[in-house]
């Protein structure tokens, strides 16, 4: 199993094997989240509560690609400026706004790298995802720059 793995029949096989060996002590059962919380509510269980800042699980991704993050943030600022100068896209065309937003959205999606980026940095999917993510940031910057250039020239 790995980060973001799809569903697998091996999980239920493991449950059956475990129960065959240990069900007299603890029995594993696959349930939905609703079923889990219904069971939890029935019990008198003290659940710890934590307060304060919780580090963003994905924050290391942004920190690992500062060059492309710079292009992404510049694109975001340029889109804001272009929308102030041409709110309806009458000068630069709505397509440039749409393209910028689309690419900003996909760049900002939380995933940075393939699930094995630490254990197998040479894996082809690690590099493909890095390049694809970079491309979204660069394309957002290109569209935002074209919008600003069209409006100001």
N, C-alpha and C. Protein backbone atom coordinates (compact mmCIF):
# COMPACT_ATOMS: atom_id res chain seq x y z
N UNK A 1 0.84 -1.17 0.00
CA UNK A 1 0.00 0.00 0.00
C UNK A 1 0.88 1.23 0.00
N UNK A 2 0.34 2.30 -0.52
CA UNK A 2 1.10 3.52 -0.67
C UNK A 2 0.16 4.71 -0.56
N UNK A 3 0.73 5.87 -0.45
CA UNK A 3 -0.03 7.10 -0.39
C UNK A 3 -1.00 7.18 -1.57
N UNK A 4 -2.25 7.48 -1.31
CA UNK A 4 -3.29 7.63 -2.34
C UNK A 4 -3.51 6.37 -3.15
N UNK A 5 -3.31 5.23 -2.54
CA UNK A 5 -3.55 3.96 -3.25
C UNK A 5 -5.03 3.78 -3.54
N UNK A 6 -5.33 3.12 -4.64
CA UNK A 6 -6.73 2.79 -4.91
C UNK A 6 -7.20 1.67 -4.00
N UNK A 7 -8.51 1.43 -4.00
CA UNK A 7 -9.05 0.31 -3.22
C UNK A 7 -8.39 -0.99 -3.68
N UNK A 8 -8.24 -1.92 -2.75
CA UNK A 8 -7.57 -3.17 -3.08
C UNK A 8 -8.27 -4.34 -2.39
N UNK A 9 -8.46 -5.42 -3.13
CA UNK A 9 -9.04 -6.64 -2.56
C UNK A 9 -8.13 -7.24 -1.51
N UNK A 10 -6.84 -6.89 -1.54
CA UNK A 10 -5.90 -7.43 -0.56
C UNK A 10 -6.24 -6.98 0.86
N UNK A 11 -6.92 -5.84 0.99
CA UNK A 11 -7.30 -5.37 2.33
C UNK A 11 -8.25 -6.36 2.97
N UNK A 12 -9.30 -6.75 2.26
CA UNK A 12 -10.26 -7.67 2.85
C UNK A 12 -9.65 -9.06 3.04
N UNK A 13 -8.72 -9.46 2.15
CA UNK A 13 -8.00 -10.71 2.35
C UNK A 13 -7.23 -10.67 3.67
N UNK A 14 -6.58 -9.52 3.94
CA UNK A 14 -5.85 -9.36 5.20
C UNK A 14 -6.80 -9.46 6.38
N UNK A 15 -7.98 -8.82 6.29
CA UNK A 15 -8.96 -8.86 7.38
C UNK A 15 -9.37 -10.31 7.66
N UNK A 16 -9.66 -11.07 6.61
CA UNK A 16 -10.05 -12.47 6.79
C UNK A 16 -8.93 -13.30 7.42
N UNK A 17 -7.70 -13.10 6.95
CA UNK A 17 -6.57 -13.83 7.51
C UNK A 17 -6.34 -13.46 8.98
N UNK A 18 -6.43 -12.18 9.28
CA UNK A 18 -6.25 -11.73 10.66
C UNK A 18 -7.32 -12.32 11.56
N UNK A 19 -8.58 -12.24 11.13
CA UNK A 19 -9.68 -12.77 11.95
C UNK A 19 -9.57 -14.27 12.15
N UNK A 20 -9.06 -14.98 11.14
CA UNK A 20 -8.89 -16.43 11.30
C UNK A 20 -7.89 -16.75 12.40
N UNK A 21 -6.91 -15.89 12.59
CA UNK A 21 -5.88 -16.11 13.60
C UNK A 21 -6.19 -15.47 14.96
N UNK A 22 -6.88 -14.31 14.97
CA UNK A 22 -6.96 -13.52 16.19
C UNK A 22 -8.36 -13.08 16.59
N UNK A 23 -9.40 -13.58 15.96
CA UNK A 23 -10.75 -13.05 16.23
C UNK A 23 -11.21 -13.29 17.66
N UNK A 24 -10.62 -14.23 18.37
CA UNK A 24 -11.00 -14.45 19.76
C UNK A 24 -10.55 -13.27 20.63
N UNK A 25 -9.51 -12.53 20.19
CA UNK A 25 -9.03 -11.36 20.93
C UNK A 25 -9.60 -10.07 20.36
N UNK A 26 -9.37 -9.86 19.09
CA UNK A 26 -9.84 -8.66 18.39
C UNK A 26 -10.32 -9.08 17.01
N UNK A 27 -11.50 -8.63 16.63
CA UNK A 27 -12.02 -8.95 15.30
C UNK A 27 -12.02 -7.67 14.45
N UNK A 28 -11.42 -7.77 13.28
CA UNK A 28 -11.42 -6.65 12.34
C UNK A 28 -12.68 -6.73 11.48
N UNK A 29 -13.23 -5.56 11.16
CA UNK A 29 -14.42 -5.51 10.32
C UNK A 29 -14.34 -4.27 9.45
N UNK A 30 -14.60 -4.41 8.16
CA UNK A 30 -14.65 -3.27 7.25
C UNK A 30 -16.00 -2.58 7.42
N UNK A 31 -15.98 -1.27 7.66
CA UNK A 31 -17.21 -0.50 7.83
C UNK A 31 -17.07 0.83 7.10
N UNK A 32 -18.21 1.46 6.89
CA UNK A 32 -18.20 2.80 6.30
C UNK A 32 -17.88 3.81 7.40
N UNK A 33 -17.60 5.05 7.01
CA UNK A 33 -17.35 6.08 8.02
C UNK A 33 -18.57 6.30 8.90
N UNK A 34 -19.78 6.27 8.30
CA UNK A 34 -20.99 6.43 9.10
C UNK A 34 -21.10 5.33 10.15
N UNK A 35 -20.85 4.09 9.75
CA UNK A 35 -20.90 2.98 10.70
C UNK A 35 -19.85 3.14 11.80
N UNK A 36 -18.67 3.57 11.42
CA UNK A 36 -17.60 3.77 12.40
C UNK A 36 -18.00 4.80 13.45
N UNK A 37 -18.53 5.94 12.99
CA UNK A 37 -18.90 6.98 13.96
C UNK A 37 -20.13 6.60 14.77
N UNK A 38 -21.05 5.82 14.20
CA UNK A 38 -22.19 5.31 14.99
C UNK A 38 -21.69 4.43 16.14
N UNK A 39 -20.73 3.57 15.84
CA UNK A 39 -20.16 2.69 16.88
C UNK A 39 -19.42 3.54 17.92
N UNK A 40 -18.67 4.52 17.44
CA UNK A 40 -17.90 5.37 18.34
C UNK A 40 -18.82 6.14 19.30
N UNK A 41 -19.94 6.64 18.79
CA UNK A 41 -20.89 7.38 19.63
C UNK A 41 -21.52 6.51 20.71
N UNK A 42 -21.63 5.22 20.45
CA UNK A 42 -22.24 4.29 21.41
C UNK A 42 -21.33 4.04 22.62
N UNK A 43 -20.06 4.18 22.42
CA UNK A 43 -19.10 3.88 23.48
C UNK A 43 -18.84 5.09 24.35
N UNK A 44 -18.28 4.84 25.51
CA UNK A 44 -17.89 5.91 26.42
C UNK A 44 -16.37 6.01 26.35
N UNK A 45 -15.91 6.58 25.25
CA UNK A 45 -14.48 6.62 24.97
C UNK A 45 -13.99 8.06 25.03
N UNK A 46 -12.93 8.27 25.75
CA UNK A 46 -12.31 9.59 25.81
C UNK A 46 -11.46 9.79 24.55
N UNK A 47 -11.83 10.78 23.77
CA UNK A 47 -11.09 11.06 22.54
C UNK A 47 -10.29 12.34 22.75
N UNK A 48 -8.97 12.29 22.61
CA UNK A 48 -8.17 13.49 22.83
C UNK A 48 -8.54 14.60 21.85
N UNK A 49 -8.51 15.81 22.34
CA UNK A 49 -8.78 16.98 21.50
C UNK A 49 -7.53 17.85 21.51
N UNK A 50 -7.15 18.33 20.36
CA UNK A 50 -5.95 19.14 20.25
C UNK A 50 -6.33 20.53 19.72
N UNK A 51 -5.63 21.54 20.15
CA UNK A 51 -5.87 22.90 19.69
C UNK A 51 -4.54 23.51 19.27
N UNK A 52 -4.61 24.49 18.41
CA UNK A 52 -3.40 25.18 17.97
C UNK A 52 -3.15 24.95 16.50
N UNK A 53 -1.99 25.34 16.07
CA UNK A 53 -1.64 25.22 14.66
C UNK A 53 -1.36 23.77 14.31
N UNK A 54 -1.76 23.38 13.14
CA UNK A 54 -1.50 22.04 12.63
C UNK A 54 -0.74 22.21 11.33
N UNK A 55 0.46 21.72 11.29
CA UNK A 55 1.29 21.89 10.11
C UNK A 55 0.62 21.28 8.89
N UNK A 56 0.64 22.02 7.81
CA UNK A 56 0.08 21.54 6.55
C UNK A 56 0.89 20.35 6.07
N UNK A 57 0.22 19.21 5.88
CA UNK A 57 0.87 17.98 5.44
C UNK A 57 1.62 18.19 4.13
N UNK A 58 1.11 19.04 3.26
CA UNK A 58 1.68 19.20 1.93
C UNK A 58 2.60 20.42 1.81
N UNK A 59 2.85 21.12 2.92
CA UNK A 59 3.63 22.35 2.85
C UNK A 59 5.03 22.13 2.29
N UNK A 60 5.57 20.93 2.47
CA UNK A 60 6.92 20.69 1.96
C UNK A 60 6.96 20.74 0.44
N UNK A 61 5.84 20.49 -0.23
CA UNK A 61 5.80 20.55 -1.69
C UNK A 61 6.11 21.94 -2.20
N UNK A 62 5.43 22.95 -1.65
CA UNK A 62 5.65 24.32 -2.08
C UNK A 62 7.10 24.72 -1.84
N UNK A 63 7.63 24.32 -0.69
CA UNK A 63 9.01 24.66 -0.37
C UNK A 63 10.03 23.97 -1.25
N UNK A 64 9.64 22.87 -1.88
CA UNK A 64 10.59 22.12 -2.70
C UNK A 64 10.68 22.64 -4.14
N UNK A 65 9.80 23.57 -4.51
CA UNK A 65 9.79 24.07 -5.90
C UNK A 65 9.70 25.60 -5.92
N UNK A 66 10.63 26.31 -5.30
CA UNK A 66 10.49 27.76 -5.18
C UNK A 66 10.48 28.50 -6.51
N UNK A 67 11.19 27.99 -7.50
CA UNK A 67 11.26 28.68 -8.79
C UNK A 67 9.89 28.72 -9.47
N UNK A 68 9.20 27.59 -9.51
CA UNK A 68 7.89 27.55 -10.16
C UNK A 68 6.85 28.24 -9.28
N UNK A 69 6.97 28.14 -7.96
CA UNK A 69 6.04 28.86 -7.08
C UNK A 69 6.12 30.36 -7.37
N UNK A 70 7.31 30.87 -7.66
CA UNK A 70 7.47 32.28 -8.00
C UNK A 70 6.64 32.61 -9.25
N UNK A 71 6.69 31.77 -10.27
CA UNK A 71 5.91 32.00 -11.49
C UNK A 71 4.42 31.93 -11.21
N UNK A 72 4.02 30.96 -10.37
CA UNK A 72 2.62 30.81 -10.00
C UNK A 72 2.10 32.06 -9.29
N UNK A 73 2.85 32.53 -8.31
CA UNK A 73 2.40 33.70 -7.54
C UNK A 73 2.38 34.95 -8.40
N UNK A 74 3.35 35.08 -9.30
CA UNK A 74 3.35 36.21 -10.22
C UNK A 74 2.12 36.15 -11.11
N UNK A 75 1.77 34.96 -11.59
CA UNK A 75 0.58 34.80 -12.43
C UNK A 75 -0.68 35.21 -11.67
N UNK A 76 -0.75 34.83 -10.41
CA UNK A 76 -1.90 35.19 -9.58
C UNK A 76 -2.01 36.71 -9.43
N UNK A 77 -0.89 37.37 -9.18
CA UNK A 77 -0.90 38.84 -9.06
C UNK A 77 -1.27 39.50 -10.38
N UNK A 78 -0.73 38.99 -11.48
CA UNK A 78 -1.03 39.56 -12.79
C UNK A 78 -2.51 39.37 -13.15
N UNK A 79 -3.06 38.22 -12.82
CA UNK A 79 -4.48 37.99 -13.08
C UNK A 79 -5.32 39.00 -12.29
N UNK A 80 -4.96 39.23 -11.05
CA UNK A 80 -5.68 40.21 -10.22
C UNK A 80 -5.61 41.59 -10.88
N UNK A 81 -4.42 42.01 -11.30
CA UNK A 81 -4.25 43.33 -11.94
C UNK A 81 -5.06 43.41 -13.23
N UNK A 82 -5.00 42.35 -14.04
CA UNK A 82 -5.73 42.36 -15.31
C UNK A 82 -7.23 42.46 -15.07
N UNK A 83 -7.72 41.78 -14.06
CA UNK A 83 -9.16 41.84 -13.75
C UNK A 83 -9.56 43.23 -13.23
N UNK A 84 -8.65 43.92 -12.57
CA UNK A 84 -8.94 45.28 -12.14
C UNK A 84 -9.04 46.23 -13.33
N UNK A 85 -8.18 46.02 -14.31
CA UNK A 85 -8.14 46.90 -15.49
C UNK A 85 -9.18 46.53 -16.55
N UNK A 86 -9.54 45.28 -16.62
CA UNK A 86 -10.45 44.78 -17.66
C UNK A 86 -11.38 43.73 -17.05
N UNK A 87 -12.30 44.13 -16.17
CA UNK A 87 -13.10 43.18 -15.38
C UNK A 87 -13.85 42.14 -16.21
N UNK A 88 -14.31 42.50 -17.37
CA UNK A 88 -15.11 41.56 -18.18
C UNK A 88 -14.31 40.92 -19.31
N UNK A 89 -13.03 41.18 -19.36
CA UNK A 89 -12.20 40.61 -20.41
C UNK A 89 -12.52 41.16 -21.79
N UNK A 90 -13.00 42.40 -21.85
CA UNK A 90 -13.37 43.01 -23.14
C UNK A 90 -12.15 43.39 -23.97
N UNK A 91 -11.04 43.68 -23.31
CA UNK A 91 -9.82 44.07 -24.02
C UNK A 91 -8.95 42.86 -24.32
N UNK A 92 -8.69 42.06 -23.31
CA UNK A 92 -7.75 40.94 -23.49
C UNK A 92 -8.45 39.64 -23.87
N UNK A 93 -9.75 39.58 -23.69
CA UNK A 93 -10.47 38.35 -24.01
C UNK A 93 -10.63 37.46 -22.79
N UNK A 94 -11.81 36.97 -22.57
CA UNK A 94 -12.12 36.12 -21.43
C UNK A 94 -11.30 34.83 -21.45
N UNK A 95 -10.89 34.37 -22.62
CA UNK A 95 -10.14 33.12 -22.75
C UNK A 95 -8.84 33.17 -21.96
N UNK A 96 -8.17 34.35 -21.94
CA UNK A 96 -6.92 34.45 -21.18
C UNK A 96 -7.18 34.36 -19.68
N UNK A 97 -8.28 34.95 -19.22
CA UNK A 97 -8.64 34.80 -17.81
C UNK A 97 -8.94 33.34 -17.49
N UNK A 98 -9.72 32.70 -18.36
CA UNK A 98 -10.08 31.30 -18.14
C UNK A 98 -8.85 30.40 -18.12
N UNK A 99 -7.94 30.63 -19.06
CA UNK A 99 -6.72 29.82 -19.14
C UNK A 99 -5.86 30.01 -17.89
N UNK A 100 -5.74 31.27 -17.46
CA UNK A 100 -4.94 31.55 -16.26
C UNK A 100 -5.55 30.85 -15.05
N UNK A 101 -6.86 30.99 -14.87
CA UNK A 101 -7.52 30.37 -13.72
C UNK A 101 -7.41 28.86 -13.74
N UNK A 102 -7.59 28.26 -14.91
CA UNK A 102 -7.50 26.81 -15.05
C UNK A 102 -6.12 26.32 -14.62
N UNK A 103 -5.09 26.97 -15.14
CA UNK A 103 -3.73 26.54 -14.84
C UNK A 103 -3.31 26.86 -13.41
N UNK A 104 -3.80 27.99 -12.86
CA UNK A 104 -3.54 28.27 -11.45
C UNK A 104 -4.16 27.20 -10.56
N UNK A 105 -5.39 26.81 -10.90
CA UNK A 105 -6.09 25.82 -10.10
C UNK A 105 -5.34 24.49 -10.09
N UNK A 106 -4.91 24.03 -11.26
CA UNK A 106 -4.23 22.74 -11.30
C UNK A 106 -2.82 22.81 -10.72
N UNK A 107 -2.18 23.97 -10.80
CA UNK A 107 -0.88 24.07 -10.14
C UNK A 107 -1.07 24.02 -8.62
N UNK A 108 -2.09 24.69 -8.11
CA UNK A 108 -2.29 24.80 -6.67
C UNK A 108 -2.85 23.52 -6.04
N UNK A 109 -3.27 22.56 -6.85
CA UNK A 109 -3.75 21.28 -6.33
C UNK A 109 -2.66 20.73 -5.42
N UNK A 110 -3.03 20.06 -4.36
CA UNK A 110 -2.11 19.76 -3.26
C UNK A 110 -0.95 18.82 -3.58
N UNK A 111 -1.05 18.00 -4.58
CA UNK A 111 -0.04 16.96 -4.80
C UNK A 111 1.25 17.53 -5.36
N UNK A 112 2.34 17.20 -4.69
CA UNK A 112 3.67 17.53 -5.21
C UNK A 112 4.42 16.23 -5.34
N UNK A 113 4.56 15.78 -6.54
CA UNK A 113 5.34 14.57 -6.76
C UNK A 113 4.53 13.30 -6.60
N UNK A 114 5.11 12.24 -7.03
CA UNK A 114 4.53 10.91 -6.99
C UNK A 114 4.73 10.34 -5.59
N UNK A 115 3.95 9.34 -5.22
CA UNK A 115 4.00 8.82 -3.85
C UNK A 115 5.37 8.27 -3.48
N UNK A 116 6.20 7.93 -4.44
CA UNK A 116 7.52 7.40 -4.10
C UNK A 116 8.63 8.43 -4.35
N UNK A 117 8.31 9.71 -4.31
CA UNK A 117 9.31 10.73 -4.63
C UNK A 117 10.50 10.73 -3.67
N UNK A 118 10.30 10.25 -2.43
CA UNK A 118 11.42 10.19 -1.49
C UNK A 118 12.17 8.87 -1.62
N UNK A 119 11.42 7.77 -1.73
CA UNK A 119 12.07 6.46 -1.77
C UNK A 119 12.63 6.11 -3.15
N UNK A 120 12.02 6.64 -4.21
CA UNK A 120 12.48 6.36 -5.57
C UNK A 120 12.47 7.64 -6.42
N UNK A 121 13.35 8.59 -6.11
CA UNK A 121 13.32 9.86 -6.84
C UNK A 121 13.60 9.72 -8.34
N UNK A 122 14.15 8.58 -8.75
CA UNK A 122 14.43 8.32 -10.17
C UNK A 122 13.21 7.79 -10.92
N UNK A 123 12.15 7.45 -10.21
CA UNK A 123 10.97 6.83 -10.83
C UNK A 123 10.40 7.78 -11.90
N UNK A 124 10.09 7.27 -13.10
CA UNK A 124 9.56 8.13 -14.17
C UNK A 124 8.34 8.95 -13.76
N UNK A 125 7.46 8.38 -12.96
CA UNK A 125 6.27 9.14 -12.55
C UNK A 125 6.60 10.33 -11.66
N UNK A 126 7.69 10.22 -10.90
CA UNK A 126 8.11 11.35 -10.06
C UNK A 126 8.43 12.54 -10.95
N UNK A 127 9.24 12.30 -11.98
CA UNK A 127 9.63 13.40 -12.87
C UNK A 127 8.48 13.88 -13.73
N UNK A 128 7.66 12.97 -14.24
CA UNK A 128 6.53 13.38 -15.07
C UNK A 128 5.58 14.30 -14.31
N UNK A 129 5.28 13.94 -13.06
CA UNK A 129 4.37 14.78 -12.28
C UNK A 129 4.99 16.13 -11.96
N UNK A 130 6.29 16.16 -11.69
CA UNK A 130 6.96 17.42 -11.42
C UNK A 130 6.91 18.32 -12.66
N UNK A 131 7.19 17.76 -13.81
CA UNK A 131 7.16 18.55 -15.05
C UNK A 131 5.74 19.03 -15.36
N UNK A 132 4.78 18.14 -15.19
CA UNK A 132 3.39 18.52 -15.48
C UNK A 132 2.94 19.63 -14.55
N UNK A 133 3.26 19.52 -13.28
CA UNK A 133 2.88 20.56 -12.32
C UNK A 133 3.57 21.87 -12.68
N UNK A 134 4.83 21.81 -13.03
CA UNK A 134 5.56 23.02 -13.44
C UNK A 134 4.91 23.64 -14.66
N UNK A 135 4.49 22.81 -15.58
CA UNK A 135 3.86 23.33 -16.80
C UNK A 135 2.59 24.12 -16.47
N UNK A 136 1.79 23.66 -15.51
CA UNK A 136 0.59 24.41 -15.12
C UNK A 136 0.98 25.79 -14.59
N UNK A 137 2.02 25.86 -13.77
CA UNK A 137 2.46 27.15 -13.25
C UNK A 137 2.96 28.07 -14.34
N UNK A 138 3.73 27.53 -15.27
CA UNK A 138 4.27 28.33 -16.37
C UNK A 138 3.18 28.78 -17.33
N UNK A 139 2.23 27.91 -17.63
CA UNK A 139 1.14 28.28 -18.53
C UNK A 139 0.24 29.34 -17.90
N UNK A 140 0.03 29.25 -16.58
CA UNK A 140 -0.75 30.28 -15.90
C UNK A 140 -0.04 31.63 -16.03
N UNK A 141 1.28 31.62 -15.85
CA UNK A 141 2.04 32.85 -15.95
C UNK A 141 1.99 33.40 -17.38
N UNK A 142 2.09 32.52 -18.36
CA UNK A 142 2.03 32.96 -19.75
C UNK A 142 0.69 33.62 -20.06
N UNK A 143 -0.42 32.98 -19.67
CA UNK A 143 -1.74 33.53 -19.95
C UNK A 143 -1.95 34.86 -19.23
N UNK A 144 -1.56 34.93 -17.97
CA UNK A 144 -1.71 36.17 -17.21
C UNK A 144 -0.86 37.28 -17.80
N UNK A 145 0.36 36.96 -18.22
CA UNK A 145 1.24 37.95 -18.84
C UNK A 145 0.66 38.45 -20.16
N UNK A 146 0.12 37.54 -20.95
CA UNK A 146 -0.51 37.94 -22.22
C UNK A 146 -1.71 38.84 -21.98
N UNK A 147 -2.48 38.54 -20.94
CA UNK A 147 -3.63 39.38 -20.61
C UNK A 147 -3.17 40.78 -20.24
N UNK A 148 -2.18 40.88 -19.34
CA UNK A 148 -1.67 42.19 -18.93
C UNK A 148 -1.05 42.95 -20.10
N UNK A 149 -0.28 42.25 -20.93
CA UNK A 149 0.34 42.89 -22.09
C UNK A 149 -0.70 43.43 -23.05
N UNK A 150 -1.74 42.66 -23.31
CA UNK A 150 -2.79 43.09 -24.24
C UNK A 150 -3.52 44.31 -23.69
N UNK A 151 -3.76 44.34 -22.41
CA UNK A 151 -4.48 45.46 -21.79
C UNK A 151 -3.63 46.71 -21.77
N UNK A 152 -2.35 46.59 -21.51
CA UNK A 152 -1.51 47.79 -21.30
C UNK A 152 -0.79 48.29 -22.55
N UNK A 153 -0.88 47.55 -23.64
CA UNK A 153 -0.19 48.02 -24.87
C UNK A 153 -1.17 48.38 -25.95
